[in-house]
PDB file of N, CA and C in Angstrom:
ATOM      1  N   MET A   1     333.699 167.531 -68.208  1.00  0.00           N
ATOM      2  CA  MET A   1     333.500 166.578 -69.330  1.00  0.00           C
ATOM      3  C   MET A   1     333.332 165.235 -68.832  1.00  0.00           C
ATOM      4  N   LYS A   2     333.502 164.788 -67.605  1.00  0.00           N
ATOM      5  CA  LYS A   2     333.214 163.477 -67.264  1.00  0.00           C
ATOM      6  C   LYS A   2     331.768 163.277 -67.020  1.00  0.00           C
ATOM      7  N   LEU A   3     331.069 164.466 -66.837  1.00  0.00           N
ATOM      8  CA  LEU A   3     329.607 164.339 -66.698  1.00  0.00           C
ATOM      9  C   LEU A   3     328.984 163.895 -68.139  1.00  0.00           C
ATOM     10  N   VAL A   4     329.503 164.605 -69.067  1.00  0.00           N
ATOM     11  CA  VAL A   4     328.895 164.248 -70.475  1.00  0.00           C
ATOM     12  C   VAL A   4     329.341 162.836 -70.889  1.00  0.00           C
ATOM     13  N   GLN A   5     330.535 162.327 -70.545  1.00  0.00           N
ATOM     14  CA  GLN A   5     330.901 161.087 -70.942  1.00  0.00           C
ATOM     15  C   GLN A   5     330.013 159.988 -70.135  1.00  0.00           C
ATOM     16  N   PHE A   6     329.686 160.454 -68.778  1.00  0.00           N
ATOM     17  CA  PHE A   6     328.800 159.621 -68.105  1.00  0.00           C
ATOM     18  C   PHE A   6     327.393 159.446 -68.747  1.00  0.00           C
ATOM     19  N   VAL A   7     326.977 160.586 -69.154  1.00  0.00           N
ATOM     20  CA  VAL A   7     325.575 160.495 -69.803  1.00  0.00           C
ATOM     21  C   VAL A   7     325.446 159.728 -70.960  1.00  0.00           C
ATOM     22  N   LYS A   8     326.596 159.896 -72.006  1.00  0.00           N
ATOM     23  CA  LYS A   8     326.627 159.077 -72.999  1.00  0.00           C
ATOM     24  C   LYS A   8     326.761 157.674 -72.890  1.00  0.00           C
ATOM     25  N   GLU A   9     327.505 157.297 -71.835  1.00  0.00           N
ATOM     26  CA  GLU A   9     327.691 155.958 -71.634  1.00  0.00           C
ATOM     27  C   GLU A   9     326.380 155.285 -70.913  1.00  0.00           C
ATOM     28  N   SER A  10     325.703 156.148 -70.240  1.00  0.00           N
ATOM     29  CA  SER A  10     324.570 155.629 -69.525  1.00  0.00           C
ATOM     30  C   SER A  10     323.283 155.401 -70.795  1.00  0.00           C
ATOM     31  N   TYR A  11     323.342 156.310 -71.643  1.00  0.00           N
ATOM     32  CA  TYR A  11     322.450 156.196 -72.725  1.00  0.00           C
ATOM     33  C   TYR A  11     322.719 154.960 -73.619  1.00  0.00           C
ATOM     34  N   ALA A  12     324.035 154.759 -73.754  1.00  0.00           N
ATOM     35  CA  ALA A  12     324.410 153.504 -74.613  1.00  0.00           C
ATOM     36  C   ALA A  12     324.040 152.352 -73.895  1.00  0.00           C
ATOM     37  N   GLU A  13     324.178 152.281 -72.591  1.00  0.00           N
ATOM     38  CA  GLU A  13     323.795 151.063 -71.736  1.00  0.00           C
ATOM     39  C   GLU A  13     322.281 150.766 -71.784  1.00  0.00           C
ATOM     40  N   LEU A  14     321.514 151.863 -71.734  1.00  0.00           N
ATOM     41  CA  LEU A  14     320.008 151.876 -71.769  1.00  0.00           C
ATOM     42  C   LEU A  14     319.688 151.225 -73.060  1.00  0.00           C
ATOM     43  N   LYS A  15     320.127 151.483 -74.194  1.00  0.00           N
ATOM     44  CA  LYS A  15     319.862 150.838 -75.299  1.00  0.00           C
ATOM     45  C   LYS A  15     320.028 149.306 -75.232  1.00  0.00           C
ATOM     46  N   LYS A  16     320.953 148.720 -74.468  1.00  0.00           N
ATOM     47  CA  LYS A  16     321.123 147.440 -74.381  1.00  0.00           C
ATOM     48  C   LYS A  16     320.079 146.576 -73.628  1.00  0.00           C
ATOM     49  N   VAL A  17     319.352 147.514 -72.777  1.00  0.00           N
ATOM     50  CA  VAL A  17     318.456 146.805 -71.951  1.00  0.00           C
ATOM     51  C   VAL A  17     317.257 146.283 -72.670  1.00  0.00           C
ATOM     52  N   VAL A  18     316.939 144.861 -72.241  1.00  0.00           N
ATOM     53  CA  VAL A  18     315.716 144.288 -72.826  1.00  0.00           C
ATOM     54  C   VAL A  18     314.503 144.446 -71.842  1.00  0.00           C
ATOM     55  N   TRP A  19     313.687 145.384 -72.160  1.00  0.00           N
ATOM     56  CA  TRP A  19     312.594 145.870 -71.194  1.00  0.00           C
ATOM     57  C   TRP A  19     311.624 144.489 -71.308  1.00  0.00           C
ATOM     58  N   PRO A  20     310.790 144.170 -70.165  1.00  0.00           N
ATOM     59  CA  PRO A  20     309.910 143.169 -70.241  1.00  0.00           C
ATOM     60  C   PRO A  20     308.636 143.645 -70.940  1.00  0.00           C
ATOM     61  N   GLY A  21     307.985 142.521 -71.433  1.00  0.00           N
ATOM     62  CA  GLY A  21     306.648 142.898 -72.147  1.00  0.00           C
ATOM     63  C   GLY A  21     305.472 143.115 -71.090  1.00  0.00           C
ATOM     64  N   ARG A  22     304.347 143.468 -71.728  1.00  0.00           N
ATOM     65  CA  ARG A  22     303.206 143.776 -70.757  1.00  0.00           C
ATOM     66  C   ARG A  22     302.693 142.437 -70.061  1.00  0.00           C
ATOM     67  N   ASP A  23     302.841 141.287 -70.766  1.00  0.00           N
ATOM     68  CA  ASP A  23     302.449 140.028 -70.147  1.00  0.00           C
ATOM     69  C   ASP A  23     303.375 139.507 -68.980  1.00  0.00           C
ATOM     70  N   ASP A  24     304.713 139.889 -69.178  1.00  0.00           N
ATOM     71  CA  ASP A  24     305.681 139.534 -68.176  1.00  0.00           C
ATOM     72  C   ASP A  24     305.386 140.350 -67.154  1.00  0.00           C
ATOM     73  N   VAL A  25     305.091 141.700 -67.138  1.00  0.00           N
ATOM     74  CA  VAL A  25     304.923 142.586 -66.074  1.00  0.00           C
ATOM     75  C   VAL A  25     303.657 142.270 -65.318  1.00  0.00           C
ATOM     76  N   ILE A  26     302.536 141.840 -66.039  1.00  0.00           N
ATOM     77  CA  ILE A  26     301.333 141.552 -65.205  1.00  0.00           C
ATOM     78  C   ILE A  26     301.560 140.286 -64.487  1.00  0.00           C
ATOM     79  N   SER A  27     302.271 139.178 -64.971  1.00  0.00           N
ATOM     80  CA  SER A  27     302.487 138.052 -64.335  1.00  0.00           C
ATOM     81  C   SER A  27     303.372 138.248 -63.053  1.00  0.00           C
ATOM     82  N   SER A  28     304.372 139.039 -63.326  1.00  0.00           N
ATOM     83  CA  SER A  28     305.155 139.405 -62.070  1.00  0.00           C
ATOM     84  C   SER A  28     304.277 140.029 -61.002  1.00  0.00           C
ATOM     85  N   VAL A  29     303.542 140.996 -61.394  1.00  0.00           N
ATOM     86  CA  VAL A  29     302.650 141.709 -60.416  1.00  0.00           C
ATOM     87  C   VAL A  29     301.775 140.691 -59.722  1.00  0.00           C
ATOM     88  N   LYS A  30     301.143 139.781 -60.450  1.00  0.00           N
ATOM     89  CA  LYS A  30     300.297 138.738 -59.910  1.00  0.00           C
ATOM     90  C   LYS A  30     300.943 137.976 -58.939  1.00  0.00           C
ATOM     91  N   VAL A  31     302.202 137.511 -59.145  1.00  0.00           N
ATOM     92  CA  VAL A  31     303.122 136.815 -58.114  1.00  0.00           C
ATOM     93  C   VAL A  31     303.375 137.589 -56.942  1.00  0.00           C
ATOM     94  N   VAL A  32     303.704 138.884 -57.033  1.00  0.00           N
ATOM     95  CA  VAL A  32     303.979 139.795 -55.879  1.00  0.00           C
ATOM     96  C   VAL A  32     302.792 139.888 -55.178  1.00  0.00           C
ATOM     97  N   ILE A  33     301.642 140.012 -55.829  1.00  0.00           N
ATOM     98  CA  ILE A  33     300.267 140.270 -54.860  1.00  0.00           C
ATOM     99  C   ILE A  33     300.133 139.037 -54.063  1.00  0.00           C
ATOM    100  N   VAL A  34     300.004 137.957 -54.796  1.00  0.00           N
ATOM    101  CA  VAL A  34     299.765 136.654 -54.230  1.00  0.00           C
ATOM    102  C   VAL A  34     300.708 136.266 -52.953  1.00  0.00           C
ATOM    103  N   SER A  35     301.965 136.566 -53.303  1.00  0.00           N
ATOM    104  CA  SER A  35     302.970 136.258 -52.212  1.00  0.00           C
ATOM    105  C   SER A  35     302.737 137.110 -51.038  1.00  0.00           C
ATOM    106  N   THR A  36     302.467 138.483 -51.256  1.00  0.00           N
ATOM    107  CA  THR A  36     302.209 139.409 -50.110  1.00  0.00           C
ATOM    108  C   THR A  36     300.921 138.966 -49.365  1.00  0.00           C
ATOM    109  N   ILE A  37     299.864 138.444 -49.988  1.00  0.00           N
ATOM    110  CA  ILE A  37     298.768 138.182 -49.273  1.00  0.00           C
ATOM    111  C   ILE A  37     298.900 136.821 -48.445  1.00  0.00           C
ATOM    112  N   VAL A  38     299.820 135.919 -49.076  1.00  0.00           N
ATOM    113  CA  VAL A  38     300.115 134.703 -48.394  1.00  0.00           C
ATOM    114  C   VAL A  38     300.911 134.974 -47.064  1.00  0.00           C
ATOM    115  N   VAL A  39     302.068 135.747 -47.221  1.00  0.00           N
ATOM    116  CA  VAL A  39     302.798 136.206 -46.176  1.00  0.00           C
ATOM    117  C   VAL A  39     302.049 136.911 -45.022  1.00  0.00           C
ATOM    118  N   ALA A  40     301.384 137.824 -45.443  1.00  0.00           N
ATOM    119  CA  ALA A  40     300.291 138.481 -44.557  1.00  0.00           C
ATOM    120  C   ALA A  40     299.424 137.555 -43.668  1.00  0.00           C
ATOM    121  N   LEU A  41     298.882 136.509 -44.416  1.00  0.00           N
ATOM    122  CA  LEU A  41     298.030 135.609 -43.708  1.00  0.00           C
ATOM    123  C   LEU A  41     298.771 134.681 -42.799  1.00  0.00           C
ATOM    124  N   ILE A  42     299.991 134.325 -43.088  1.00  0.00           N
ATOM    125  CA  ILE A  42     300.826 133.618 -42.368  1.00  0.00           C
ATOM    126  C   ILE A  42     301.251 134.403 -40.931  1.00  0.00           C
ATOM    127  N   LEU A  43     301.691 135.658 -41.253  1.00  0.00           N
ATOM    128  CA  LEU A  43     302.080 136.399 -40.119  1.00  0.00           C
ATOM    129  C   LEU A  43     300.888 136.737 -39.305  1.00  0.00           C
ATOM    130  N   GLY A  44     299.623 137.043 -39.701  1.00  0.00           N
ATOM    131  CA  GLY A  44     298.481 137.244 -39.054  1.00  0.00           C
ATOM    132  C   GLY A  44     298.131 136.050 -38.050  1.00  0.00           C
ATOM    133  N   LEU A  45     298.213 134.754 -38.752  1.00  0.00           N
ATOM    134  CA  LEU A  45     297.954 133.658 -38.060  1.00  0.00           C
ATOM    135  C   LEU A  45     298.867 133.451 -36.785  1.00  0.00           C
ATOM    136  N   ILE A  46     300.200 133.644 -37.176  1.00  0.00           N
ATOM    137  CA  ILE A  46     301.165 133.568 -35.950  1.00  0.00           C
ATOM    138  C   ILE A  46     300.855 134.591 -34.841  1.00  0.00           C
ATOM    139  N   ASP A  47     300.701 135.684 -35.336  1.00  0.00           N
ATOM    140  CA  ASP A  47     300.237 136.927 -34.287  1.00  0.00           C
ATOM    141  C   ASP A  47     299.074 136.474 -33.465  1.00  0.00           C
ATOM    142  N   PHE A  48     298.009 135.927 -34.188  1.00  0.00           N
ATOM    143  CA  PHE A  48     296.667 135.586 -33.528  1.00  0.00           C
ATOM    144  C   PHE A  48     297.030 134.512 -32.441  1.00  0.00           C
ATOM    145  N   VAL A  49     297.907 133.385 -32.859  1.00  0.00           N
ATOM    146  CA  VAL A  49     298.237 132.277 -31.953  1.00  0.00           C
ATOM    147  C   VAL A  49     298.930 132.673 -30.948  1.00  0.00           C
ATOM    148  N   LEU A  50     299.982 133.522 -30.980  1.00  0.00           N
ATOM    149  CA  LEU A  50     300.911 134.037 -30.051  1.00  0.00           C
ATOM    150  C   LEU A  50     299.902 134.889 -28.932  1.00  0.00           C
ATOM    151  N   SER A  51     299.100 135.815 -29.490  1.00  0.00           N
ATOM    152  CA  SER A  51     298.323 136.693 -28.658  1.00  0.00           C
ATOM    153  C   SER A  51     297.373 135.758 -27.830  1.00  0.00           C
ATOM    154  N   ARG A  52     296.773 134.767 -28.367  1.00  0.00           N
ATOM    155  CA  ARG A  52     295.978 133.984 -27.639  1.00  0.00           C
ATOM    156  C   ARG A  52     296.672 133.156 -26.465  1.00  0.00           C
ATOM    157  N   GLY A  53     297.926 132.791 -26.992  1.00  0.00           N
ATOM    158  CA  GLY A  53     298.696 131.987 -25.962  1.00  0.00           C
ATOM    159  C   GLY A  53     299.072 133.008 -24.850  1.00  0.00           C
ATOM    160  N   MET A  54     299.460 134.163 -25.213  1.00  0.00           N
ATOM    161  CA  MET A  54     299.808 135.059 -24.060  1.00  0.00           C
ATOM    162  C   MET A  54     298.501 135.442 -23.076  1.00  0.00           C
ATOM    163  N   LEU A  55     297.369 135.569 -23.775  1.00  0.00           N
ATOM    164  CA  LEU A  55     296.186 135.750 -22.935  1.00  0.00           C
ATOM    165  C   LEU A  55     295.980 134.562 -22.046  1.00  0.00           C
ATOM    166  N   ALA A  56     296.136 133.314 -22.540  1.00  0.00           N
ATOM    167  CA  ALA A  56     295.886 132.220 -21.782  1.00  0.00           C
ATOM    168  C   ALA A  56     296.912 132.064 -20.567  1.00  0.00           C
ATOM    169  N   ILE A  57     298.148 132.449 -20.823  1.00  0.00           N
ATOM    170  CA  ILE A  57     299.235 132.395 -19.759  1.00  0.00           C
ATOM    171  C   ILE A  57     298.957 133.499 -18.707  1.00  0.00           C
ATOM    172  N   PHE A  58     298.628 134.737 -19.131  1.00  0.00           N
ATOM    173  CA  PHE A  58     298.557 135.777 -18.197  1.00  0.00           C
ATOM    174  C   PHE A  58     297.192 136.041 -17.926  1.00  0.00           C
TER     175      PHE A  58
END
């Protein structure tokens, strides 16, 4: 009986959820993609500088 109650309560809670619209999802995806590219470039630059520094030392 607890399982049935859980499913009913879960369904009731899902009705309360306000799902984002298409435009909100697209703008969020753009932010994630740009952020990922920026972080990748920064980490790549740091890796390049540290690699060149190690090669210069050794």
